[in-house]
N, C-alpha and C. Protein backbone atom coordinates (compact mmCIF):
# COMPACT_ATOMS: atom_id res chain seq x y z
N MET A 1 -4.13 37.58 33.90
CA MET A 1 -3.65 36.75 32.82
C MET A 1 -2.84 35.59 33.41
N ASP A 2 -3.10 34.38 32.92
CA ASP A 2 -2.45 33.19 33.42
C ASP A 2 -1.16 32.94 32.64
N TYR A 3 -0.03 33.07 33.34
CA TYR A 3 1.26 32.88 32.71
C TYR A 3 1.78 31.45 32.86
N GLY A 4 1.05 30.60 33.56
CA GLY A 4 1.49 29.22 33.80
C GLY A 4 1.67 28.44 32.52
N ILE A 5 0.73 28.58 31.59
CA ILE A 5 0.82 27.85 30.33
C ILE A 5 1.99 28.37 29.51
N ALA A 6 2.18 29.67 29.47
CA ALA A 6 3.29 30.24 28.70
C ALA A 6 4.63 29.79 29.26
N ILE A 7 4.76 29.75 30.59
CA ILE A 7 6.01 29.31 31.22
C ILE A 7 6.25 27.83 30.93
N ALA A 8 5.19 27.02 30.99
CA ALA A 8 5.32 25.58 30.70
C ALA A 8 5.77 25.36 29.26
N VAL A 9 5.23 26.13 28.34
CA VAL A 9 5.62 26.00 26.93
C VAL A 9 7.08 26.41 26.74
N ILE A 10 7.51 27.48 27.38
CA ILE A 10 8.91 27.93 27.26
C ILE A 10 9.85 26.89 27.85
N VAL A 11 9.50 26.32 29.00
CA VAL A 11 10.34 25.27 29.61
C VAL A 11 10.39 24.05 28.70
N LEU A 12 9.26 23.67 28.12
CA LEU A 12 9.23 22.53 27.21
C LEU A 12 10.11 22.78 25.99
N ILE A 13 10.05 23.98 25.44
CA ILE A 13 10.88 24.32 24.28
C ILE A 13 12.36 24.26 24.66
N LEU A 14 12.73 24.76 25.83
CA LEU A 14 14.12 24.71 26.28
C LEU A 14 14.60 23.27 26.48
N VAL A 15 13.77 22.43 27.08
CA VAL A 15 14.14 21.03 27.28
C VAL A 15 14.34 20.33 25.94
N VAL A 16 13.42 20.56 25.01
CA VAL A 16 13.55 19.95 23.68
C VAL A 16 14.82 20.45 23.00
N TYR A 17 15.10 21.73 23.11
CA TYR A 17 16.30 22.30 22.49
C TYR A 17 17.55 21.67 23.08
N ILE A 18 17.61 21.51 24.39
CA ILE A 18 18.78 20.89 25.03
C ILE A 18 18.92 19.44 24.59
N LEU A 19 17.81 18.72 24.53
CA LEU A 19 17.85 17.33 24.06
C LEU A 19 18.33 17.25 22.62
N LEU A 20 17.90 18.18 21.79
CA LEU A 20 18.35 18.20 20.40
C LEU A 20 19.85 18.47 20.31
N LEU A 21 20.34 19.39 21.13
CA LEU A 21 21.77 19.68 21.14
C LEU A 21 22.57 18.46 21.57
N ILE A 22 22.10 17.78 22.61
CA ILE A 22 22.80 16.59 23.10
C ILE A 22 22.81 15.51 22.04
N SER A 23 21.68 15.30 21.39
CA SER A 23 21.59 14.21 20.42
C SER A 23 22.23 14.57 19.07
N SER A 24 22.54 15.84 18.86
CA SER A 24 23.09 16.23 17.56
C SER A 24 24.56 15.86 17.41
N VAL A 25 25.18 15.48 18.50
CA VAL A 25 26.57 15.06 18.43
C VAL A 25 26.61 13.77 17.61
N LYS A 26 27.44 13.77 16.60
CA LYS A 26 27.53 12.61 15.71
C LYS A 26 28.16 11.45 16.48
N ARG A 27 27.44 10.33 16.53
CA ARG A 27 27.95 9.16 17.20
C ARG A 27 29.00 8.49 16.31
N LYS A 28 29.94 7.82 16.94
CA LYS A 28 31.03 7.20 16.18
C LYS A 28 30.50 6.12 15.24
N SER A 29 29.41 5.43 15.65
CA SER A 29 28.90 4.34 14.82
C SER A 29 28.05 4.82 13.65
N GLU A 30 27.66 6.08 13.67
CA GLU A 30 26.79 6.59 12.62
C GLU A 30 27.59 7.43 11.63
N LYS A 31 27.39 7.14 10.36
CA LYS A 31 28.15 7.82 9.31
C LYS A 31 27.64 9.23 9.05
N LEU A 32 26.34 9.45 9.27
CA LEU A 32 25.73 10.74 9.01
C LEU A 32 25.02 11.23 10.28
N PRO A 33 24.85 12.53 10.44
CA PRO A 33 24.13 13.02 11.61
C PRO A 33 22.66 12.56 11.57
N THR A 34 22.11 12.31 12.76
CA THR A 34 20.75 11.79 12.83
C THR A 34 19.84 12.71 13.64
N ILE A 35 20.13 13.97 13.71
CA ILE A 35 19.32 14.89 14.50
C ILE A 35 17.88 14.94 13.99
N TRP A 36 17.70 14.95 12.69
CA TRP A 36 16.34 15.01 12.16
C TRP A 36 15.59 13.71 12.43
N LEU A 37 16.26 12.59 12.30
CA LEU A 37 15.61 11.31 12.59
C LEU A 37 15.16 11.25 14.04
N TRP A 38 16.01 11.73 14.94
CA TRP A 38 15.65 11.74 16.36
C TRP A 38 14.46 12.67 16.60
N SER A 39 14.51 13.88 16.08
CA SER A 39 13.40 14.82 16.30
C SER A 39 12.14 14.37 15.58
N TYR A 40 12.29 13.76 14.41
CA TYR A 40 11.16 13.23 13.66
C TYR A 40 10.48 12.13 14.46
N THR A 41 11.28 11.28 15.10
CA THR A 41 10.73 10.15 15.86
C THR A 41 10.16 10.59 17.20
N TYR A 42 10.95 11.30 17.99
CA TYR A 42 10.58 11.54 19.39
C TYR A 42 9.85 12.86 19.64
N ILE A 43 9.82 13.75 18.68
CA ILE A 43 9.09 15.01 18.87
C ILE A 43 7.93 15.09 17.88
N ARG A 44 8.25 14.98 16.61
CA ARG A 44 7.23 15.19 15.59
C ARG A 44 6.11 14.17 15.63
N MET A 45 6.44 12.88 15.74
CA MET A 45 5.40 11.85 15.75
C MET A 45 4.45 12.00 16.94
N PRO A 46 4.96 12.11 18.18
CA PRO A 46 4.03 12.29 19.31
C PRO A 46 3.20 13.58 19.21
N VAL A 47 3.82 14.66 18.75
CA VAL A 47 3.08 15.93 18.61
C VAL A 47 1.97 15.78 17.56
N THR A 48 2.27 15.09 16.47
CA THR A 48 1.25 14.88 15.44
C THR A 48 0.11 14.02 15.97
N ILE A 49 0.44 12.95 16.71
CA ILE A 49 -0.59 12.09 17.28
C ILE A 49 -1.46 12.89 18.24
N LEU A 50 -0.83 13.67 19.11
CA LEU A 50 -1.60 14.48 20.07
C LEU A 50 -2.44 15.54 19.38
N SER A 51 -1.92 16.15 18.33
CA SER A 51 -2.70 17.17 17.62
C SER A 51 -3.88 16.55 16.89
N LEU A 52 -3.71 15.33 16.37
CA LEU A 52 -4.84 14.64 15.73
C LEU A 52 -5.90 14.27 16.77
N LEU A 53 -5.45 13.85 17.96
CA LEU A 53 -6.41 13.57 19.04
C LEU A 53 -7.16 14.84 19.43
N GLY A 54 -6.43 15.94 19.52
CA GLY A 54 -7.07 17.22 19.82
C GLY A 54 -8.03 17.65 18.73
N ALA A 55 -7.67 17.40 17.48
CA ALA A 55 -8.54 17.76 16.37
C ALA A 55 -9.84 16.96 16.41
N ILE A 56 -9.75 15.70 16.82
CA ILE A 56 -10.98 14.90 16.96
C ILE A 56 -11.87 15.51 18.03
N GLN A 57 -11.29 15.93 19.14
CA GLN A 57 -12.07 16.54 20.22
C GLN A 57 -12.74 17.83 19.75
N LEU A 58 -12.02 18.61 18.97
CA LEU A 58 -12.56 19.89 18.50
C LEU A 58 -13.62 19.72 17.42
N THR A 59 -13.51 18.65 16.62
CA THR A 59 -14.41 18.49 15.49
C THR A 59 -15.53 17.49 15.74
N GLU A 60 -15.70 17.03 16.99
CA GLU A 60 -16.73 16.03 17.27
C GLU A 60 -18.14 16.51 16.92
N ASN A 61 -18.43 17.75 17.19
CA ASN A 61 -19.78 18.26 16.96
C ASN A 61 -19.94 18.75 15.53
N GLY A 62 -20.90 18.19 14.83
CA GLY A 62 -21.25 18.67 13.51
C GLY A 62 -20.31 18.26 12.39
N VAL A 63 -19.54 17.22 12.59
CA VAL A 63 -18.62 16.76 11.57
C VAL A 63 -19.08 15.38 11.10
N SER A 64 -18.87 15.12 9.84
CA SER A 64 -19.29 13.84 9.29
C SER A 64 -18.50 12.70 9.92
N PRO A 65 -19.13 11.55 10.10
CA PRO A 65 -18.42 10.39 10.67
C PRO A 65 -17.21 9.98 9.83
N LEU A 66 -17.24 10.27 8.54
CA LEU A 66 -16.11 9.93 7.68
C LEU A 66 -14.85 10.68 8.11
N VAL A 67 -14.99 11.94 8.50
CA VAL A 67 -13.84 12.72 8.96
C VAL A 67 -13.26 12.11 10.23
N ILE A 68 -14.13 11.71 11.15
CA ILE A 68 -13.67 11.08 12.40
C ILE A 68 -12.95 9.77 12.08
N ILE A 69 -13.48 8.98 11.16
CA ILE A 69 -12.85 7.71 10.79
C ILE A 69 -11.47 7.97 10.17
N ILE A 70 -11.36 8.98 9.33
CA ILE A 70 -10.07 9.33 8.73
C ILE A 70 -9.08 9.75 9.81
N PHE A 71 -9.51 10.57 10.76
CA PHE A 71 -8.63 11.01 11.84
C PHE A 71 -8.18 9.82 12.70
N VAL A 72 -9.09 8.92 13.02
CA VAL A 72 -8.73 7.74 13.82
C VAL A 72 -7.74 6.87 13.03
N GLY A 73 -7.98 6.70 11.73
CA GLY A 73 -7.05 5.94 10.89
C GLY A 73 -5.66 6.58 10.87
N LEU A 74 -5.62 7.90 10.78
CA LEU A 74 -4.33 8.60 10.80
C LEU A 74 -3.63 8.44 12.15
N ILE A 75 -4.40 8.48 13.23
CA ILE A 75 -3.81 8.29 14.57
C ILE A 75 -3.21 6.90 14.68
N ILE A 76 -3.92 5.89 14.20
CA ILE A 76 -3.40 4.51 14.23
C ILE A 76 -2.14 4.40 13.38
N LEU A 77 -2.17 4.98 12.18
CA LEU A 77 -1.02 4.94 11.28
C LEU A 77 0.20 5.61 11.91
N TYR A 78 0.01 6.80 12.49
CA TYR A 78 1.12 7.52 13.11
C TYR A 78 1.64 6.79 14.35
N THR A 79 0.75 6.15 15.11
CA THR A 79 1.19 5.41 16.29
C THR A 79 2.03 4.21 15.88
N ILE A 80 1.61 3.47 14.87
CA ILE A 80 2.39 2.33 14.38
C ILE A 80 3.73 2.82 13.85
N ASN A 81 3.72 3.91 13.10
CA ASN A 81 4.96 4.48 12.55
C ASN A 81 5.89 4.91 13.69
N PHE A 82 5.34 5.55 14.70
CA PHE A 82 6.14 6.01 15.85
C PHE A 82 6.80 4.84 16.56
N LEU A 83 6.04 3.79 16.84
CA LEU A 83 6.60 2.62 17.54
C LEU A 83 7.67 1.93 16.69
N GLY A 84 7.46 1.87 15.39
CA GLY A 84 8.47 1.28 14.52
C GLY A 84 9.72 2.13 14.40
N LEU A 85 9.55 3.45 14.36
CA LEU A 85 10.71 4.35 14.27
C LEU A 85 11.59 4.25 15.52
N ILE A 86 10.98 3.99 16.65
CA ILE A 86 11.77 3.83 17.88
C ILE A 86 12.72 2.65 17.73
N ARG A 87 12.22 1.56 17.14
CA ARG A 87 13.04 0.34 16.98
C ARG A 87 13.87 0.37 15.70
N ARG A 88 13.59 1.30 14.81
CA ARG A 88 14.28 1.44 13.51
C ARG A 88 14.27 0.13 12.72
N THR A 89 13.09 -0.44 12.61
CA THR A 89 12.95 -1.68 11.85
C THR A 89 12.73 -1.38 10.37
N TRP A 90 13.00 -2.38 9.53
CA TRP A 90 12.93 -2.19 8.10
C TRP A 90 11.52 -1.91 7.62
N TRP A 91 10.51 -2.57 8.20
CA TRP A 91 9.15 -2.38 7.74
C TRP A 91 8.69 -0.94 7.96
N VAL A 92 9.19 -0.29 9.02
CA VAL A 92 8.78 1.09 9.25
C VAL A 92 9.48 2.03 8.28
N TYR A 93 10.63 1.64 7.79
CA TYR A 93 11.29 2.45 6.76
C TYR A 93 10.38 2.53 5.54
N ASN A 94 9.77 1.40 5.18
CA ASN A 94 8.83 1.38 4.05
C ASN A 94 7.51 2.07 4.40
N LEU A 95 7.01 1.85 5.61
CA LEU A 95 5.76 2.49 6.04
C LEU A 95 5.92 4.01 6.08
N ASN A 96 7.08 4.48 6.46
CA ASN A 96 7.31 5.93 6.57
C ASN A 96 7.16 6.62 5.22
N TRP A 97 7.51 5.93 4.12
CA TRP A 97 7.30 6.53 2.79
C TRP A 97 5.82 6.79 2.58
N TRP A 98 4.98 5.83 2.98
CA TRP A 98 3.53 6.02 2.83
C TRP A 98 3.02 7.15 3.71
N VAL A 99 3.57 7.26 4.91
CA VAL A 99 3.17 8.36 5.80
C VAL A 99 3.51 9.70 5.16
N LEU A 100 4.70 9.82 4.59
CA LEU A 100 5.10 11.08 3.96
C LEU A 100 4.22 11.40 2.75
N ILE A 101 3.88 10.39 1.96
CA ILE A 101 3.02 10.61 0.79
C ILE A 101 1.61 11.00 1.23
N ILE A 102 1.09 10.33 2.25
CA ILE A 102 -0.25 10.67 2.75
C ILE A 102 -0.26 12.10 3.27
N GLU A 103 0.80 12.48 3.97
CA GLU A 103 0.87 13.86 4.46
C GLU A 103 0.84 14.85 3.30
N CYS A 104 1.53 14.54 2.26
CA CYS A 104 1.61 15.46 1.13
C CYS A 104 0.26 15.60 0.43
N PHE A 105 -0.50 14.51 0.32
CA PHE A 105 -1.75 14.54 -0.45
C PHE A 105 -3.01 14.72 0.41
N VAL A 106 -2.96 14.35 1.69
CA VAL A 106 -4.16 14.44 2.54
C VAL A 106 -4.19 15.73 3.35
N PHE A 107 -3.04 16.17 3.84
CA PHE A 107 -3.05 17.31 4.74
C PHE A 107 -3.48 18.64 4.12
N PRO A 108 -3.41 18.84 2.81
CA PRO A 108 -4.03 20.07 2.29
C PRO A 108 -5.53 20.14 2.61
N PHE A 109 -6.20 18.97 2.63
CA PHE A 109 -7.62 18.97 3.00
C PHE A 109 -7.80 19.33 4.47
N VAL A 110 -6.90 18.84 5.32
CA VAL A 110 -7.01 19.11 6.75
C VAL A 110 -6.80 20.59 7.03
N HIS A 111 -5.81 21.18 6.39
CA HIS A 111 -5.50 22.59 6.66
C HIS A 111 -6.42 23.55 5.93
N LEU A 112 -7.06 23.11 4.88
CA LEU A 112 -7.94 23.98 4.11
C LEU A 112 -9.41 23.60 4.27
N HIS A 113 -9.76 22.95 5.40
CA HIS A 113 -11.10 22.41 5.55
C HIS A 113 -12.19 23.48 5.55
N SER A 114 -11.87 24.67 5.97
CA SER A 114 -12.91 25.70 6.03
C SER A 114 -13.02 26.50 4.73
N TYR A 115 -12.17 26.22 3.77
CA TYR A 115 -12.20 26.92 2.50
C TYR A 115 -12.74 26.00 1.40
N ILE A 116 -13.18 26.61 0.33
CA ILE A 116 -13.60 25.82 -0.82
C ILE A 116 -12.34 25.45 -1.57
N ILE A 117 -12.11 24.13 -1.70
CA ILE A 117 -10.88 23.66 -2.34
C ILE A 117 -11.16 23.38 -3.80
N THR A 118 -10.55 24.18 -4.63
CA THR A 118 -10.64 23.93 -6.07
C THR A 118 -9.46 23.04 -6.46
N PRO A 119 -9.56 22.36 -7.57
CA PRO A 119 -8.44 21.50 -7.98
C PRO A 119 -7.12 22.25 -8.11
N ILE A 120 -7.16 23.47 -8.59
CA ILE A 120 -5.90 24.22 -8.76
C ILE A 120 -5.29 24.57 -7.40
N VAL A 121 -6.13 24.93 -6.42
CA VAL A 121 -5.61 25.23 -5.07
C VAL A 121 -5.01 23.97 -4.46
N TYR A 122 -5.68 22.83 -4.64
CA TYR A 122 -5.18 21.56 -4.12
C TYR A 122 -3.83 21.22 -4.75
N VAL A 123 -3.72 21.35 -6.06
CA VAL A 123 -2.46 21.05 -6.76
C VAL A 123 -1.35 21.97 -6.27
N ILE A 124 -1.66 23.24 -6.05
CA ILE A 124 -0.66 24.18 -5.55
C ILE A 124 -0.16 23.76 -4.17
N PHE A 125 -1.11 23.41 -3.28
CA PHE A 125 -0.71 23.00 -1.93
C PHE A 125 0.05 21.68 -1.93
N VAL A 126 -0.33 20.73 -2.79
CA VAL A 126 0.41 19.48 -2.89
C VAL A 126 1.80 19.76 -3.44
N GLY A 127 1.92 20.65 -4.42
CA GLY A 127 3.22 21.01 -4.96
C GLY A 127 4.12 21.66 -3.93
N ILE A 128 3.55 22.59 -3.16
CA ILE A 128 4.32 23.25 -2.10
C ILE A 128 4.73 22.24 -1.04
N GLY A 129 3.77 21.41 -0.61
CA GLY A 129 4.09 20.39 0.38
C GLY A 129 5.11 19.39 -0.13
N GLY A 130 4.98 19.01 -1.39
CA GLY A 130 5.93 18.07 -1.96
C GLY A 130 7.33 18.65 -2.04
N PHE A 131 7.43 19.92 -2.39
CA PHE A 131 8.74 20.54 -2.54
C PHE A 131 9.40 20.83 -1.19
N PHE A 132 8.63 21.35 -0.24
CA PHE A 132 9.22 21.76 1.03
C PHE A 132 9.17 20.68 2.11
N TRP A 133 8.38 19.63 1.95
CA TRP A 133 8.29 18.61 2.97
C TRP A 133 8.70 17.23 2.45
N LEU A 134 8.08 16.80 1.36
CA LEU A 134 8.33 15.45 0.87
C LEU A 134 9.74 15.31 0.29
N LEU A 135 10.16 16.20 -0.56
CA LEU A 135 11.47 16.09 -1.21
C LEU A 135 12.63 16.09 -0.20
N PRO A 136 12.69 17.01 0.77
CA PRO A 136 13.80 16.94 1.74
C PRO A 136 13.79 15.64 2.55
N ASN A 137 12.59 15.15 2.91
CA ASN A 137 12.53 13.90 3.66
C ASN A 137 12.93 12.70 2.81
N VAL A 138 12.58 12.71 1.54
CA VAL A 138 13.00 11.63 0.65
C VAL A 138 14.53 11.59 0.57
N ILE A 139 15.14 12.75 0.41
CA ILE A 139 16.60 12.81 0.35
C ILE A 139 17.21 12.36 1.67
N TYR A 140 16.68 12.85 2.78
CA TYR A 140 17.22 12.52 4.10
C TYR A 140 17.12 11.02 4.38
N PHE A 141 15.91 10.44 4.24
CA PHE A 141 15.72 9.04 4.59
C PHE A 141 16.41 8.11 3.59
N SER A 142 16.53 8.51 2.34
CA SER A 142 17.25 7.68 1.37
C SER A 142 18.72 7.53 1.75
N LYS A 143 19.31 8.59 2.26
CA LYS A 143 20.72 8.54 2.66
C LYS A 143 20.92 7.76 3.96
N ARG A 144 19.85 7.57 4.74
CA ARG A 144 19.98 6.90 6.03
C ARG A 144 19.26 5.55 6.07
N GLU A 145 19.10 4.97 4.92
CA GLU A 145 18.45 3.66 4.83
C GLU A 145 19.20 2.62 5.67
N PHE A 146 20.51 2.73 5.77
CA PHE A 146 21.32 1.76 6.49
C PHE A 146 21.04 1.76 7.99
N LEU A 147 20.38 2.79 8.51
CA LEU A 147 20.08 2.85 9.94
C LEU A 147 18.93 1.93 10.33
N PHE A 148 18.17 1.46 9.36
CA PHE A 148 17.01 0.62 9.65
C PHE A 148 17.40 -0.85 9.47
N VAL A 149 17.04 -1.65 10.45
CA VAL A 149 17.46 -3.04 10.51
C VAL A 149 16.62 -3.90 9.58
N LYS A 150 17.30 -4.63 8.72
CA LYS A 150 16.63 -5.61 7.88
C LYS A 150 16.67 -6.94 8.60
N ILE A 151 15.50 -7.49 8.90
CA ILE A 151 15.43 -8.76 9.58
C ILE A 151 15.51 -9.86 8.54
N ASN A 152 16.53 -10.69 8.65
CA ASN A 152 16.74 -11.77 7.70
C ASN A 152 16.16 -13.05 8.30
N LYS A 153 15.04 -13.48 7.77
CA LYS A 153 14.42 -14.70 8.25
C LYS A 153 15.08 -15.87 7.51
N THR A 154 16.01 -16.51 8.18
CA THR A 154 16.77 -17.60 7.59
C THR A 154 15.97 -18.88 7.70
N LEU A 155 15.91 -19.63 6.62
CA LEU A 155 15.26 -20.94 6.65
C LEU A 155 16.14 -21.90 7.43
N MET A 156 15.50 -22.71 8.25
CA MET A 156 16.22 -23.65 9.08
C MET A 156 15.93 -25.08 8.61
N ARG A 157 16.94 -25.93 8.72
CA ARG A 157 16.79 -27.36 8.45
C ARG A 157 17.38 -28.13 9.61
N GLN A 158 16.81 -29.28 9.87
CA GLN A 158 17.32 -30.12 10.95
C GLN A 158 18.28 -31.15 10.37
N CYS A 159 19.45 -31.24 10.98
CA CYS A 159 20.46 -32.20 10.56
C CYS A 159 19.98 -33.60 10.96
N SER A 160 20.04 -34.53 10.04
CA SER A 160 19.56 -35.89 10.32
C SER A 160 20.54 -36.68 11.17
N ILE A 161 21.75 -36.19 11.37
CA ILE A 161 22.75 -36.92 12.18
C ILE A 161 22.79 -36.38 13.61
N CYS A 162 23.01 -35.08 13.77
CA CYS A 162 23.12 -34.51 15.13
C CYS A 162 21.81 -33.89 15.62
N ASN A 163 20.78 -33.84 14.79
CA ASN A 163 19.45 -33.30 15.12
C ASN A 163 19.47 -31.82 15.51
N ALA A 164 20.50 -31.10 15.12
CA ALA A 164 20.57 -29.66 15.41
C ALA A 164 19.88 -28.90 14.29
N ASN A 165 19.20 -27.81 14.65
CA ASN A 165 18.60 -26.92 13.65
C ASN A 165 19.68 -25.95 13.19
N LYS A 166 19.93 -25.93 11.90
CA LYS A 166 20.97 -25.07 11.33
C LYS A 166 20.36 -24.25 10.20
N PRO A 167 20.92 -23.06 9.95
CA PRO A 167 20.46 -22.28 8.80
C PRO A 167 20.68 -23.06 7.50
N ILE A 168 19.81 -22.82 6.53
CA ILE A 168 19.85 -23.58 5.27
C ILE A 168 21.21 -23.45 4.58
N GLN A 169 21.91 -22.33 4.80
CA GLN A 169 23.21 -22.14 4.17
C GLN A 169 24.25 -23.07 4.78
N GLU A 170 24.00 -23.57 5.99
CA GLU A 170 24.96 -24.43 6.68
C GLU A 170 24.58 -25.90 6.59
N THR A 171 23.65 -26.24 5.70
CA THR A 171 23.26 -27.64 5.52
C THR A 171 23.40 -28.04 4.06
N GLU A 172 23.42 -29.33 3.84
CA GLU A 172 23.51 -29.84 2.49
C GLU A 172 22.70 -31.13 2.43
N THR A 173 22.05 -31.33 1.31
CA THR A 173 21.29 -32.57 1.12
C THR A 173 22.22 -33.59 0.48
N ILE A 174 22.35 -34.76 1.16
CA ILE A 174 23.24 -35.80 0.64
C ILE A 174 22.45 -36.74 -0.28
N ASP A 175 23.14 -37.70 -0.88
CA ASP A 175 22.54 -38.59 -1.88
C ASP A 175 21.29 -39.31 -1.38
N SER A 176 21.25 -39.64 -0.10
CA SER A 176 20.09 -40.37 0.44
C SER A 176 18.89 -39.46 0.64
N GLY A 177 19.04 -38.17 0.40
CA GLY A 177 17.94 -37.23 0.54
C GLY A 177 17.83 -36.61 1.91
N GLU A 178 18.76 -36.94 2.80
CA GLU A 178 18.76 -36.38 4.14
C GLU A 178 19.51 -35.05 4.17
N ASP A 179 19.04 -34.17 5.07
CA ASP A 179 19.73 -32.90 5.27
C ASP A 179 20.78 -33.09 6.36
N VAL A 180 22.00 -32.68 6.04
CA VAL A 180 23.11 -32.85 6.98
C VAL A 180 23.80 -31.50 7.12
N CYS A 181 24.14 -31.15 8.38
CA CYS A 181 24.86 -29.89 8.58
C CYS A 181 26.29 -30.04 8.08
N LEU A 182 26.94 -28.95 7.79
CA LEU A 182 28.29 -28.98 7.21
C LEU A 182 29.30 -29.60 8.17
N ASP A 183 29.09 -29.43 9.49
CA ASP A 183 30.01 -30.02 10.46
C ASP A 183 29.95 -31.55 10.38
N CYS A 184 28.74 -32.10 10.36
CA CYS A 184 28.58 -33.55 10.29
C CYS A 184 29.05 -34.07 8.93
N LEU A 185 28.77 -33.31 7.86
CA LEU A 185 29.19 -33.72 6.53
C LEU A 185 30.71 -33.82 6.44
N GLU A 186 31.40 -32.91 7.10
CA GLU A 186 32.86 -32.93 7.11
C GLU A 186 33.37 -34.18 7.83
N GLN A 187 32.71 -34.56 8.91
CA GLN A 187 33.11 -35.76 9.66
C GLN A 187 32.83 -37.03 8.86
N ILE A 188 31.72 -37.05 8.09
CA ILE A 188 31.38 -38.20 7.26
C ILE A 188 32.42 -38.37 6.18
N ARG A 189 32.86 -37.29 5.58
CA ARG A 189 33.82 -37.37 4.47
C ARG A 189 35.23 -37.76 4.92
N LYS A 190 35.53 -37.65 6.19
CA LYS A 190 36.89 -37.99 6.68
C LYS A 190 37.10 -39.44 6.71
């Protein structure tokens, strides 16, 4: 019996556990603990991507091309979500809601693929998934919305006097129709 794989799995579990313990310490800048966000980003997303890749390898023979296309689409979606979660950008905060909803409604088909899925069985699995997976994540991510960076694309205008590009809030249009920055406008008024 080959114990190498079992030992590797145990070591991996211990490393992940130690990393979770280290990261569970509440940082001074964060108002709420972020252990789930860290594990969701750095453990769950890569494991899901790898498991979907493995599922494609296992289901290549005798599976409809539509299933392969769905799996590839999910891999792309999870990869984009993973990369965005690393940077904690605002667009991924919105994309993550779609990922959670897709998981709730699509994954019953993935897990029940070998069974005949009746509408009542599907509704039961969506209800269970929604209650035990979607609802806790909705509560968690709603409370941590502030952790995701909102990129403010400020409109810029060029000052007609000093030719500097300034945010629109720092410029004013004068009577002649020219845009002037507030610094130059203050000098003009003196």
